[in-house]
Amino acid sequence: MTTTDDTRAQMRQIVARYPQPRSAVMPLLHLTQSRDGSVTPEAIDEVAELLGMSRAEVTGVASFYTMYLRKPGGRFRVGVCINSLCAILGGDEIWESLVDYVGIDNHQTTDDGLISLERIECQAACTHAPVMTLNWEFLDNQTPASAREVVDKVRAGEPVASTRGPRVVPEIAAVGRSLAGVDDALDDSDNGLDPLTLAGLELARELGHALPASDAATADEGV
């Protein structure tokens, strides 16, 4: 896809945020993917030239991380954690239910380009297992029925709220722009933190645990 002047400007703005231009490789891949639907060979050339990297280096990043697609996926990517804890608590059942309900399998996309399914090895959210994601936003404590309800809402064009994220999960292109660092105006639109997320902090406070002075100073500085 031809790069527009707006995209070129956004790419330059992203690169300018980093002391080393090559550090911008992942945000730029998210930005070009949001534009093209996948990481295309042309986008890899474009990013490599802008950052002074080889094509092989950029391809190595794009092929390592599963968030980057080599072929276009659905506007809504439904991920199901099938790692040990989620699987035991119902993740496998959720996955099998969705495969049957949507009619596609892992890394496949519906004919209308709306939904892709993907098995995810870990969401790092065991406290909320079994966990799904919709366009990488958390959907916690799922069941086969609630998972199918998410699909129904997507098919009907109805909003889906993340349990620990935006009240309306955007389409994948908008999420990619957010990951690239383009302002999405969603900073005040999430559902906030939940008690399970803060359980460790609350327990530490009850027990009187505190960071050593040097670590606390670093935390206050936001490092």
C-alpha atoms as a PDB file:
ATOM      1  CA  MET A   1       0.000   0.000   0.000  1.00  0.00           C
ATOM      2  CA  THR A   2       1.287   3.482  -0.846  1.00  0.00           C
ATOM      3  CA  THR A   3       2.488   5.440   2.148  1.00  0.00           C
ATOM      4  CA  THR A   4       0.593   8.694   2.578  1.00  0.00           C
ATOM      5  CA  ASP A   5       2.166  11.929   3.742  1.00  0.00           C
ATOM      6  CA  ASP A   6       0.251  11.573   7.037  1.00  0.00           C
ATOM      7  CA  THR A   7       1.711   8.116   7.640  1.00  0.00           C
ATOM      8  CA  ARG A   8       5.219   9.323   6.817  1.00  0.00           C
ATOM      9  CA  ALA A   9       4.807  12.162   9.306  1.00  0.00           C
ATOM     10  CA  GLN A  10       3.574   9.771  11.994  1.00  0.00           C
ATOM     11  CA  MET A  11       6.489   7.429  11.333  1.00  0.00           C
ATOM     12  CA  ARG A  12       8.987  10.278  11.693  1.00  0.00           C
ATOM     13  CA  GLN A  13       7.296  11.425  14.908  1.00  0.00           C
ATOM     14  CA  ILE A  14       7.536   7.921  16.368  1.00  0.00           C
ATOM     15  CA  VAL A  15      11.216   7.569  15.459  1.00  0.00           C
ATOM     16  CA  ALA A  16      11.987  10.961  17.034  1.00  0.00           C
ATOM     17  CA  ARG A  17      10.881   9.649  20.451  1.00  0.00           C
ATOM     18  CA  TYR A  18      13.811   7.230  20.679  1.00  0.00           C
ATOM     19  CA  PRO A  19      17.513   7.996  21.271  1.00  0.00           C
ATOM     20  CA  GLN A  20      18.351   5.150  18.865  1.00  0.00           C
ATOM     21  CA  PRO A  21      16.158   5.062  15.735  1.00  0.00           C
ATOM     22  CA  ARG A  22      16.164   1.246  15.582  1.00  0.00           C
ATOM     23  CA  SER A  23      14.309   1.196  18.917  1.00  0.00           C
ATOM     24  CA  ALA A  24      11.223   2.327  16.998  1.00  0.00           C
ATOM     25  CA  VAL A  25      11.029  -0.863  14.935  1.00  0.00           C
ATOM     26  CA  MET A  26       8.124  -2.436  16.846  1.00  0.00           C
ATOM     27  CA  PRO A  27       5.921   0.686  16.945  1.00  0.00           C
ATOM     28  CA  LEU A  28       6.527   1.230  13.237  1.00  0.00           C
ATOM     29  CA  LEU A  29       5.536  -2.354  12.463  1.00  0.00           C
ATOM     30  CA  HIS A  30       2.311  -1.847  14.426  1.00  0.00           C
ATOM     31  CA  LEU A  31       1.636   1.361  12.501  1.00  0.00           C
ATOM     32  CA  THR A  32       2.210  -0.159   9.070  1.00  0.00           C
ATOM     33  CA  GLN A  33       0.174  -3.224  10.026  1.00  0.00           C
ATOM     34  CA  SER A  34      -2.719  -0.980  11.077  1.00  0.00           C
ATOM     35  CA  ARG A  35      -2.533   0.589   7.626  1.00  0.00           C
ATOM     36  CA  ASP A  36      -2.043  -2.558   5.512  1.00  0.00           C
ATOM     37  CA  GLY A  37      -3.746  -5.286   7.568  1.00  0.00           C
ATOM     38  CA  SER A  38      -0.497  -7.236   7.918  1.00  0.00           C
ATOM     39  CA  VAL A  39       3.259  -6.692   7.821  1.00  0.00           C
ATOM     40  CA  THR A  40       3.892  -6.672   4.100  1.00  0.00           C
ATOM     41  CA  PRO A  41       7.266  -7.039   2.339  1.00  0.00           C
ATOM     42  CA  GLU A  42       6.908  -3.418   1.226  1.00  0.00           C
ATOM     43  CA  ALA A  43       6.384  -2.298   4.824  1.00  0.00           C
ATOM     44  CA  ILE A  44       9.474  -4.203   5.947  1.00  0.00           C
ATOM     45  CA  ASP A  45      11.509  -2.379   3.277  1.00  0.00           C
ATOM     46  CA  GLU A  46       9.960   0.923   4.327  1.00  0.00           C
ATOM     47  CA  VAL A  47      10.750   0.453   8.023  1.00  0.00           C
ATOM     48  CA  ALA A  48      14.251  -0.859   7.330  1.00  0.00           C
ATOM     49  CA  GLU A  49      15.114   2.142   5.171  1.00  0.00           C
ATOM     50  CA  LEU A  50      13.759   4.648   7.699  1.00  0.00           C
ATOM     51  CA  LEU A  51      15.627   3.081  10.636  1.00  0.00           C
ATOM     52  CA  GLY A  52      18.863   2.217   8.866  1.00  0.00           C
ATOM     53  CA  MET A  53      18.348  -1.483   9.542  1.00  0.00           C
ATOM     54  CA  SER A  54      18.700  -4.432   7.225  1.00  0.00           C
ATOM     55  CA  ARG A  55      15.625  -6.097   5.795  1.00  0.00           C
ATOM     56  CA  ALA A  56      16.631  -9.280   7.628  1.00  0.00           C
ATOM     57  CA  GLU A  57      16.708  -7.483  10.990  1.00  0.00           C
ATOM     58  CA  VAL A  58      13.223  -6.053  10.548  1.00  0.00           C
ATOM     59  CA  THR A  59      11.916  -9.379   9.270  1.00  0.00           C
ATOM     60  CA  GLY A  60      13.377 -11.074  12.359  1.00  0.00           C
ATOM     61  CA  VAL A  61      11.283  -8.845  14.619  1.00  0.00           C
ATOM     62  CA  ALA A  62       8.132  -9.171  12.513  1.00  0.00           C
ATOM     63  CA  SER A  63       8.378 -12.961  12.379  1.00  0.00           C
ATOM     64  CA  PHE A  64       9.200 -13.440  16.083  1.00  0.00           C
ATOM     65  CA  TYR A  65       6.214 -11.691  17.695  1.00  0.00           C
ATOM     66  CA  THR A  66       2.771 -13.206  17.190  1.00  0.00           C
ATOM     67  CA  MET A  67       1.044  -9.807  17.207  1.00  0.00           C
ATOM     68  CA  TYR A  68       2.459  -9.195  13.738  1.00  0.00           C
ATOM     69  CA  LEU A  69       0.625 -10.909  10.889  1.00  0.00           C
ATOM     70  CA  ARG A  70       2.149 -12.065   7.611  1.00  0.00           C
ATOM     71  CA  LYS A  71      -1.269 -12.181   5.979  1.00  0.00           C
ATOM     72  CA  PRO A  72      -4.358 -10.082   6.754  1.00  0.00           C
ATOM     73  CA  GLY A  73      -6.528 -11.274   9.638  1.00  0.00           C
ATOM     74  CA  GLY A  74      -9.958 -10.344  10.905  1.00  0.00           C
ATOM     75  CA  ARG A  75     -11.019  -6.939  12.107  1.00  0.00           C
ATOM     76  CA  PHE A  76     -11.530  -8.641  15.475  1.00  0.00           C
ATOM     77  CA  ARG A  77      -8.925 -11.116  16.690  1.00  0.00           C
ATOM     78  CA  VAL A  78     -10.339 -13.470  19.327  1.00  0.00           C
ATOM     79  CA  GLY A  79      -7.613 -15.102  21.413  1.00  0.00           C
ATOM     80  CA  VAL A  80      -8.135 -17.931  23.900  1.00  0.00           C
ATOM     81  CA  CYS A  81      -5.508 -18.818  26.489  1.00  0.00           C
ATOM     82  CA  ILE A  82      -4.920 -22.570  26.421  1.00  0.00           C
ATOM     83  CA  ASN A  83      -1.923 -22.677  28.786  1.00  0.00           C
ATOM     84  CA  SER A  84      -2.047 -24.950  31.836  1.00  0.00           C
ATOM     85  CA  LEU A  85      -4.158 -23.014  34.347  1.00  0.00           C
ATOM     86  CA  CYS A  86      -6.591 -21.533  31.830  1.00  0.00           C
ATOM     87  CA  ALA A  87      -6.898 -24.905  30.093  1.00  0.00           C
ATOM     88  CA  ILE A  88      -7.692 -26.721  33.337  1.00  0.00           C
ATOM     89  CA  LEU A  89     -10.254 -24.102  34.341  1.00  0.00           C
ATOM     90  CA  GLY A  90     -12.075 -24.215  31.025  1.00  0.00           C
ATOM     91  CA  GLY A  91      -9.855 -22.702  28.341  1.00  0.00           C
ATOM     92  CA  ASP A  92      -9.796 -25.872  26.251  1.00  0.00           C
ATOM     93  CA  GLU A  93     -13.570 -26.110  26.411  1.00  0.00           C
ATOM     94  CA  ILE A  94     -13.918 -22.456  25.406  1.00  0.00           C
ATOM     95  CA  TRP A  95     -11.575 -22.972  22.465  1.00  0.00           C
ATOM     96  CA  GLU A  96     -13.409 -26.045  21.186  1.00  0.00           C
ATOM     97  CA  SER A  97     -16.736 -24.247  21.562  1.00  0.00           C
ATOM     98  CA  LEU A  98     -15.544 -21.229  19.568  1.00  0.00           C
ATOM     99  CA  VAL A  99     -13.994 -23.313  16.789  1.00  0.00           C
ATOM    100  CA  ASP A 100     -17.336 -25.050  16.347  1.00  0.00           C
ATOM    101  CA  TYR A 101     -19.371 -21.846  16.699  1.00  0.00           C
ATOM    102  CA  VAL A 102     -17.308 -19.596  14.421  1.00  0.00           C
ATOM    103  CA  GLY A 103     -16.438 -22.343  11.942  1.00  0.00           C
ATOM    104  CA  ILE A 104     -12.707 -21.664  11.698  1.00  0.00           C
ATOM    105  CA  ASP A 105      -9.569 -22.916  13.430  1.00  0.00           C
ATOM    106  CA  ASN A 106      -6.330 -21.468  14.775  1.00  0.00           C
ATOM    107  CA  HIS A 107      -4.989 -18.503  12.775  1.00  0.00           C
ATOM    108  CA  GLN A 108      -7.894 -18.667  10.377  1.00  0.00           C
ATOM    109  CA  THR A 109     -10.271 -15.862   9.443  1.00  0.00           C
ATOM    110  CA  THR A 110     -13.942 -15.915   8.548  1.00  0.00           C
ATOM    111  CA  ASP A 111     -14.781 -15.375   4.884  1.00  0.00           C
ATOM    112  CA  ASP A 112     -16.203 -11.928   5.616  1.00  0.00           C
ATOM    113  CA  GLY A 113     -12.906 -10.813   7.194  1.00  0.00           C
ATOM    114  CA  LEU A 114     -14.597 -10.060  10.509  1.00  0.00           C
ATOM    115  CA  ILE A 115     -13.174 -12.583  13.003  1.00  0.00           C
ATOM    116  CA  SER A 116      -9.898 -14.449  13.438  1.00  0.00           C
ATOM    117  CA  LEU A 117      -9.274 -17.107  16.090  1.00  0.00           C
ATOM    118  CA  GLU A 118      -5.938 -17.745  17.778  1.00  0.00           C
ATOM    119  CA  ARG A 119      -4.739 -20.048  20.515  1.00  0.00           C
ATOM    120  CA  ILE A 120      -2.579 -18.135  22.978  1.00  0.00           C
ATOM    121  CA  GLU A 121      -0.064 -19.872  25.205  1.00  0.00           C
ATOM    122  CA  CYS A 122      -0.264 -17.403  28.083  1.00  0.00           C
ATOM    123  CA  GLN A 123      -1.985 -14.111  28.793  1.00  0.00           C
ATOM    124  CA  ALA A 124      -0.132 -13.527  32.096  1.00  0.00           C
ATOM    125  CA  ALA A 125      -3.540 -13.217  33.776  1.00  0.00           C
ATOM    126  CA  CYS A 126      -3.877 -16.435  35.769  1.00  0.00           C
ATOM    127  CA  THR A 127      -5.820 -14.672  38.521  1.00  0.00           C
ATOM    128  CA  HIS A 128      -8.655 -14.213  36.038  1.00  0.00           C
ATOM    129  CA  ALA A 129      -8.555 -17.610  34.329  1.00  0.00           C
ATOM    130  CA  PRO A 130      -9.905 -18.716  31.966  1.00  0.00           C
ATOM    131  CA  VAL A 131      -8.989 -15.654  29.933  1.00  0.00           C
ATOM    132  CA  MET A 132      -9.760 -14.510  26.405  1.00  0.00           C
ATOM    133  CA  THR A 133      -8.734 -11.409  24.527  1.00  0.00           C
ATOM    134  CA  LEU A 134     -10.502  -9.383  21.869  1.00  0.00           C
ATOM    135  CA  ASN A 135      -7.991  -7.390  19.852  1.00  0.00           C
ATOM    136  CA  TRP A 136      -5.573  -7.970  22.746  1.00  0.00           C
ATOM    137  CA  GLU A 137      -7.891  -6.478  25.370  1.00  0.00           C
ATOM    138  CA  PHE A 138      -8.719  -8.683  28.356  1.00  0.00           C
ATOM    139  CA  LEU A 139     -11.968 -10.618  28.728  1.00  0.00           C
ATOM    140  CA  ASP A 140     -11.642 -12.333  32.096  1.00  0.00           C
ATOM    141  CA  ASN A 141     -13.326 -15.315  33.755  1.00  0.00           C
ATOM    142  CA  GLN A 142     -14.903 -16.592  30.570  1.00  0.00           C
ATOM    143  CA  THR A 143     -17.161 -19.560  29.879  1.00  0.00           C
ATOM    144  CA  PRO A 144     -18.126 -21.155  26.558  1.00  0.00           C
ATOM    145  CA  ALA A 145     -21.440 -19.292  26.715  1.00  0.00           C
ATOM    146  CA  SER A 146     -19.882 -15.886  27.426  1.00  0.00           C
ATOM    147  CA  ALA A 147     -17.290 -16.469  24.699  1.00  0.00           C
ATOM    148  CA  ARG A 148     -20.016 -17.158  22.158  1.00  0.00           C
ATOM    149  CA  GLU A 149     -21.831 -14.033  23.354  1.00  0.00           C
ATOM    150  CA  VAL A 150     -18.726 -11.982  22.508  1.00  0.00           C
ATOM    151  CA  VAL A 151     -18.787 -13.428  18.990  1.00  0.00           C
ATOM    152  CA  ASP A 152     -22.505 -12.646  18.700  1.00  0.00           C
ATOM    153  CA  LYS A 153     -21.893  -9.014  19.655  1.00  0.00           C
ATOM    154  CA  VAL A 154     -19.062  -8.671  17.161  1.00  0.00           C
ATOM    155  CA  ARG A 155     -21.218 -10.143  14.401  1.00  0.00           C
ATOM    156  CA  ALA A 156     -24.074  -7.801  15.288  1.00  0.00           C
ATOM    157  CA  GLY A 157     -21.814  -4.738  15.368  1.00  0.00           C
ATOM    158  CA  GLU A 158     -22.512  -4.231  19.064  1.00  0.00           C
ATOM    159  CA  PRO A 159     -19.832  -2.859  21.423  1.00  0.00           C
ATOM    160  CA  VAL A 160     -17.803  -5.273  23.541  1.00  0.00           C
ATOM    161  CA  ALA A 161     -16.311  -4.001  26.798  1.00  0.00           C
ATOM    162  CA  SER A 162     -12.996  -5.254  28.117  1.00  0.00           C
ATOM    163  CA  THR A 163     -13.083  -6.331  31.747  1.00  0.00           C
ATOM    164  CA  ARG A 164      -9.808  -4.472  32.386  1.00  0.00           C
ATOM    165  CA  GLY A 165      -9.549  -2.090  29.483  1.00  0.00           C
ATOM    166  CA  PRO A 166     -11.643   0.129  27.225  1.00  0.00           C
ATOM    167  CA  ARG A 167     -15.398   0.109  27.572  1.00  0.00           C
ATOM    168  CA  VAL A 168     -15.552  -0.360  23.809  1.00  0.00           C
ATOM    169  CA  VAL A 169     -12.856  -2.553  22.263  1.00  0.00           C
ATOM    170  CA  PRO A 170     -11.783  -0.892  18.985  1.00  0.00           C
ATOM    171  CA  GLU A 171     -11.188  -2.704  15.716  1.00  0.00           C
ATOM    172  CA  ILE A 172      -7.704  -4.125  15.244  1.00  0.00           C
ATOM    173  CA  ALA A 173      -6.466  -1.280  13.023  1.00  0.00           C
ATOM    174  CA  ALA A 174      -7.216   1.270  15.746  1.00  0.00           C
ATOM    175  CA  VAL A 175      -5.538  -0.922  18.367  1.00  0.00           C
ATOM    176  CA  GLY A 176      -2.444  -1.163  16.175  1.00  0.00           C
ATOM    177  CA  ARG A 177      -2.237   2.607  15.959  1.00  0.00           C
ATOM    178  CA  SER A 178      -2.482   2.800  19.747  1.00  0.00           C
ATOM    179  CA  LEU A 179       0.366   0.306  20.111  1.00  0.00           C
ATOM    180  CA  ALA A 180       2.390   2.401  17.689  1.00  0.00           C
ATOM    181  CA  GLY A 181       1.999   5.348  20.046  1.00  0.00           C
ATOM    182  CA  VAL A 182      -0.613   7.328  18.119  1.00  0.00           C
ATOM    183  CA  ASP A 183      -2.975   9.015  20.588  1.00  0.00           C
ATOM    184  CA  ASP A 184      -6.233   7.065  20.789  1.00  0.00           C
ATOM    185  CA  ALA A 185      -7.993   9.369  23.287  1.00  0.00           C
ATOM    186  CA  LEU A 186      -8.853   6.319  25.422  1.00  0.00           C
ATOM    187  CA  ASP A 187      -6.864   7.272  28.524  1.00  0.00           C
ATOM    188  CA  ASP A 188     -10.021   7.979  30.561  1.00  0.00           C
ATOM    189  CA  SER A 189     -12.314   5.396  28.994  1.00  0.00           C
ATOM    190  CA  ASP A 190     -11.241   2.131  30.618  1.00  0.00           C
ATOM    191  CA  ASN A 191     -12.889   0.011  33.282  1.00  0.00           C
ATOM    192  CA  GLY A 192     -10.104   0.592  35.784  1.00  0.00           C
ATOM    193  CA  LEU A 193      -8.288  -1.813  38.054  1.00  0.00           C
ATOM    194  CA  ASP A 194     -10.111  -4.670  39.720  1.00  0.00           C
ATOM    195  CA  PRO A 195      -9.597  -6.130  43.239  1.00  0.00           C
ATOM    196  CA  LEU A 196      -7.693  -9.182  41.991  1.00  0.00           C
ATOM    197  CA  THR A 197      -5.194  -6.989  40.169  1.00  0.00           C
ATOM    198  CA  LEU A 198      -4.500  -5.090  43.395  1.00  0.00           C
ATOM    199  CA  ALA A 199      -4.593  -8.095  45.765  1.00  0.00           C
ATOM    200  CA  GLY A 200      -0.815  -8.362  46.134  1.00  0.00           C
ATOM    201  CA  LEU A 201      -0.463  -4.655  46.875  1.00  0.00           C
ATOM    202  CA  GLU A 202      -3.241  -4.728  49.462  1.00  0.00           C
ATOM    203  CA  LEU A 203      -1.736  -7.776  51.188  1.00  0.00           C
ATOM    204  CA  ALA A 204       1.675  -6.089  51.341  1.00  0.00           C
ATOM    205  CA  ARG A 205       0.086  -3.055  52.966  1.00  0.00           C
ATOM    206  CA  GLU A 206      -1.756  -5.210  55.509  1.00  0.00           C
ATOM    207  CA  LEU A 207       1.508  -6.936  56.432  1.00  0.00           C
ATOM    208  CA  GLY A 208       3.376  -3.647  56.654  1.00  0.00           C
ATOM    209  CA  HIS A 209       5.727  -4.468  53.808  1.00  0.00           C
ATOM    210  CA  ALA A 210       7.399  -1.572  52.066  1.00  0.00           C
ATOM    211  CA  LEU A 211      10.031  -1.004  49.418  1.00  0.00           C
ATOM    212  CA  PRO A 212      13.577  -0.148  50.554  1.00  0.00           C
ATOM    213  CA  ALA A 213      14.128   3.606  50.470  1.00  0.00           C
ATOM    214  CA  SER A 214      16.196   3.550  47.266  1.00  0.00           C
ATOM    215  CA  ASP A 215      13.623   1.448  45.406  1.00  0.00           C
ATOM    216  CA  ALA A 216      10.763   3.591  46.649  1.00  0.00           C
ATOM    217  CA  ALA A 217      12.490   6.723  45.344  1.00  0.00           C
ATOM    218  CA  THR A 218      12.921   5.091  41.947  1.00  0.00           C
ATOM    219  CA  ALA A 219       9.247   4.061  41.890  1.00  0.00           C
ATOM    220  CA  ASP A 220       8.193   7.618  42.734  1.00  0.00           C
ATOM    221  CA  GLU A 221      10.219   8.854  39.757  1.00  0.00           C
ATOM    222  CA  GLY A 222       8.222   6.532  37.518  1.00  0.00           C
ATOM    223  CA  VAL A 223      11.270   4.565  36.356  1.00  0.00           C
END
